[in-house]
């Protein structure tokens, strides 16, 4: 008993996102972009909005960032973040990854104050998650949070140290 589905069915979106992630990992950005464009078209065709589009837009922004297309990356990352925030609220733990991506894009564009703002929001969400839920998390979830925190802190510390010459108070907050 199999259900035949069209290529534009929404069940294909996570598959296309995984294919794009694998292609990006191997440096095949054109292949990744093709899969992501197809996923985005499916979501647009289906009329889905908000959080359902966020993972695909996130990956498109990441692909654009890795190809030095900063304006496209910023637009897609901002749309992904806004869709996710509107669906789940401004303090949802999943929102942190969108702020981190935006911070990295702003850094690439040499927009330090915008990057700092995104880092602050990212760290506030992670800090709240750490304080409120860490004691109740499974070991797997704790390790995942610590991995996310490590990645975020590494990027944030690099940012802070780069600001030491111009704005030492940022480095002092580190």
Protein backbone atom coordinates (compact mmCIF):
# COMPACT_ATOMS: atom_id res chain seq x y z
CA UNK A 1 0.00 0.00 0.00
CA UNK A 2 2.02 2.90 -1.28
CA UNK A 3 0.90 6.39 -1.82
CA UNK A 4 2.24 7.99 -4.95
CA UNK A 5 3.18 11.58 -4.35
CA UNK A 6 4.14 14.33 -6.71
CA UNK A 7 7.58 15.91 -6.67
CA UNK A 8 6.05 19.05 -5.26
CA UNK A 9 4.66 17.40 -2.11
CA UNK A 10 5.81 18.88 1.18
CA UNK A 11 7.16 15.53 2.40
CA UNK A 12 10.08 16.14 0.01
CA UNK A 13 11.22 19.34 1.78
CA UNK A 14 13.15 17.66 4.65
CA UNK A 15 14.74 15.26 2.16
CA UNK A 16 15.83 18.14 -0.06
CA UNK A 17 17.18 20.01 2.98
CA UNK A 18 19.30 17.01 3.98
CA UNK A 19 20.57 16.62 0.42
CA UNK A 20 21.50 20.30 0.39
CA UNK A 21 23.29 20.01 3.74
CA UNK A 22 25.33 17.09 2.46
CA UNK A 23 26.16 18.92 -0.76
CA UNK A 24 27.29 22.00 1.20
CA UNK A 25 29.42 19.86 3.49
CA UNK A 26 31.23 18.61 0.39
CA UNK A 27 31.53 22.10 -1.10
CA UNK A 28 28.98 21.53 -3.89
CA UNK A 29 27.09 24.78 -3.41
CA UNK A 30 25.38 24.80 -6.80
CA UNK A 31 23.86 21.37 -6.12
CA UNK A 32 22.84 22.52 -2.65
CA UNK A 33 21.23 25.64 -4.04
CA UNK A 34 19.29 23.57 -6.58
CA UNK A 35 17.83 21.34 -3.85
CA UNK A 36 17.06 24.32 -1.63
CA UNK A 37 15.38 26.23 -4.44
CA UNK A 38 13.20 23.20 -5.14
CA UNK A 39 12.32 22.94 -1.43
CA UNK A 40 11.49 26.65 -1.29
CA UNK A 41 9.32 26.34 -4.40
CA UNK A 42 7.44 23.41 -2.88
CA UNK A 43 6.77 25.37 0.29
CA UNK A 44 5.64 28.39 -1.69
CA UNK A 45 3.49 26.21 -3.93
CA UNK A 46 1.86 24.58 -0.90
CA UNK A 47 0.99 27.91 0.63
CA UNK A 48 2.95 27.09 3.80
CA UNK A 49 4.38 30.03 5.63
CA UNK A 50 6.22 30.80 8.84
CA UNK A 51 8.13 28.13 10.73
CA UNK A 52 7.83 25.46 8.04
CA UNK A 53 9.99 27.59 5.76
CA UNK A 54 12.57 28.51 8.39
CA UNK A 55 14.90 25.48 8.06
CA UNK A 56 15.03 25.83 4.28
CA UNK A 57 15.61 29.59 4.45
CA UNK A 58 18.31 29.00 7.08
CA UNK A 59 20.13 26.60 4.77
CA UNK A 60 19.78 28.97 1.81
CA UNK A 61 21.28 31.75 3.94
CA UNK A 62 24.12 29.48 5.03
CA UNK A 63 24.81 28.53 1.42
CA UNK A 64 24.79 32.20 0.41
CA UNK A 65 27.15 33.06 3.28
CA UNK A 66 29.61 30.39 2.23
CA UNK A 67 29.53 31.78 -1.31
CA UNK A 68 30.12 35.36 -0.08
CA UNK A 69 26.66 36.54 -1.14
CA UNK A 70 26.12 38.44 2.07
CA UNK A 71 23.06 40.48 1.15
CA UNK A 72 21.13 37.40 0.00
CA UNK A 73 22.32 35.53 3.09
CA UNK A 74 21.16 38.32 5.39
CA UNK A 75 17.73 38.56 3.75
CA UNK A 76 17.11 34.80 3.90
CA UNK A 77 18.43 34.47 7.46
CA UNK A 78 16.27 37.39 8.61
CA UNK A 79 13.18 35.88 6.98
CA UNK A 80 13.93 32.50 8.58
CA UNK A 81 14.42 34.10 11.99
CA UNK A 82 11.26 36.23 11.74
CA UNK A 83 9.14 33.27 10.60
CA UNK A 84 10.44 31.13 13.45
CA UNK A 85 10.07 33.91 16.04
CA UNK A 86 6.53 34.69 14.92
CA UNK A 87 5.55 31.04 15.18
CA UNK A 88 7.25 30.13 18.47
CA UNK A 89 7.88 33.37 20.32
CA UNK A 90 10.96 35.50 21.02
CA UNK A 91 12.45 33.20 23.68
CA UNK A 92 12.21 29.81 22.00
CA UNK A 93 15.52 27.92 22.29
CA UNK A 94 15.52 27.11 18.57
CA UNK A 95 15.73 30.80 17.77
CA UNK A 96 19.34 30.98 18.98
CA UNK A 97 20.72 29.35 15.83
CA UNK A 98 19.07 31.98 13.64
CA UNK A 99 20.60 34.80 15.68
CA UNK A 100 24.01 33.14 15.47
CA UNK A 101 23.76 32.87 11.69
CA UNK A 102 22.71 36.52 11.43
CA UNK A 103 25.63 37.52 13.67
CA UNK A 104 28.07 35.66 11.42
CA UNK A 105 26.59 37.30 8.33
CA UNK A 106 26.87 40.75 9.91
CA UNK A 107 30.47 40.00 10.84
CA UNK A 108 31.22 39.08 7.24
CA UNK A 109 29.67 42.40 6.20
CA UNK A 110 31.74 44.28 8.82
CA UNK A 111 28.61 45.45 10.62
CA UNK A 112 29.89 45.07 14.16
CA UNK A 113 27.01 46.66 16.07
CA UNK A 114 24.40 44.50 14.32
CA UNK A 115 26.55 41.42 14.93
CA UNK A 116 26.89 42.32 18.59
CA UNK A 117 23.13 42.73 18.90
CA UNK A 118 22.52 39.28 17.37
CA UNK A 119 25.18 37.70 19.59
CA UNK A 120 23.53 39.26 22.64
CA UNK A 121 20.13 37.82 21.70
CA UNK A 122 21.66 34.43 20.90
CA UNK A 123 23.50 34.28 24.22
CA UNK A 124 20.46 35.46 26.18
CA UNK A 125 18.37 32.61 24.77
CA UNK A 126 21.10 30.03 25.41
CA UNK A 127 21.67 31.36 28.92
CA UNK A 128 17.97 31.16 29.76
CA UNK A 129 17.81 27.63 28.38
CA UNK A 130 20.87 26.65 30.37
CA UNK A 131 19.49 28.12 33.61
CA UNK A 132 15.95 26.83 33.31
CA UNK A 133 16.18 23.46 31.64
CA UNK A 134 19.70 22.05 31.91
CA UNK A 135 19.01 20.18 35.16
CA UNK A 136 15.97 18.49 33.62
CA UNK A 137 17.44 17.61 30.22
CA UNK A 138 18.42 14.17 29.09
CA UNK A 139 22.14 13.53 28.71
CA UNK A 140 21.76 13.72 24.93
CA UNK A 141 20.02 17.10 25.10
CA UNK A 142 22.64 18.41 27.54
CA UNK A 143 25.44 17.43 25.19
CA UNK A 144 23.62 19.05 22.27
CA UNK A 145 23.17 22.29 24.24
CA UNK A 146 26.82 22.29 25.31
CA UNK A 147 27.90 21.74 21.71
CA UNK A 148 25.74 24.66 20.58
CA UNK A 149 27.08 26.78 23.41
CA UNK A 150 30.67 25.91 22.51
CA UNK A 151 30.12 26.88 18.86
CA UNK A 152 28.41 30.13 19.86
CA UNK A 153 31.04 31.08 22.44
CA UNK A 154 33.86 30.38 19.98
CA UNK A 155 32.29 32.74 17.43
CA UNK A 156 31.45 35.33 20.11
CA UNK A 157 34.96 35.30 21.63
CA UNK A 158 36.48 35.73 18.17
CA UNK A 159 34.18 38.70 17.62
CA UNK A 160 35.02 40.21 21.03
CA UNK A 161 38.76 39.89 20.52
CA UNK A 162 38.49 41.48 17.07
CA UNK A 163 36.76 44.47 18.70
CA UNK A 164 39.37 44.98 21.40
CA UNK A 165 41.22 47.74 19.54
CA UNK A 166 38.13 49.79 18.71
CA UNK A 167 35.66 48.96 21.47
CA UNK A 168 37.41 47.45 24.47
CA UNK A 169 34.19 47.25 26.48
CA UNK A 170 32.98 44.47 24.15
CA UNK A 171 36.12 42.47 24.86
CA UNK A 172 35.71 43.20 28.58
CA UNK A 173 32.23 41.66 28.51
CA UNK A 174 33.73 38.48 27.14
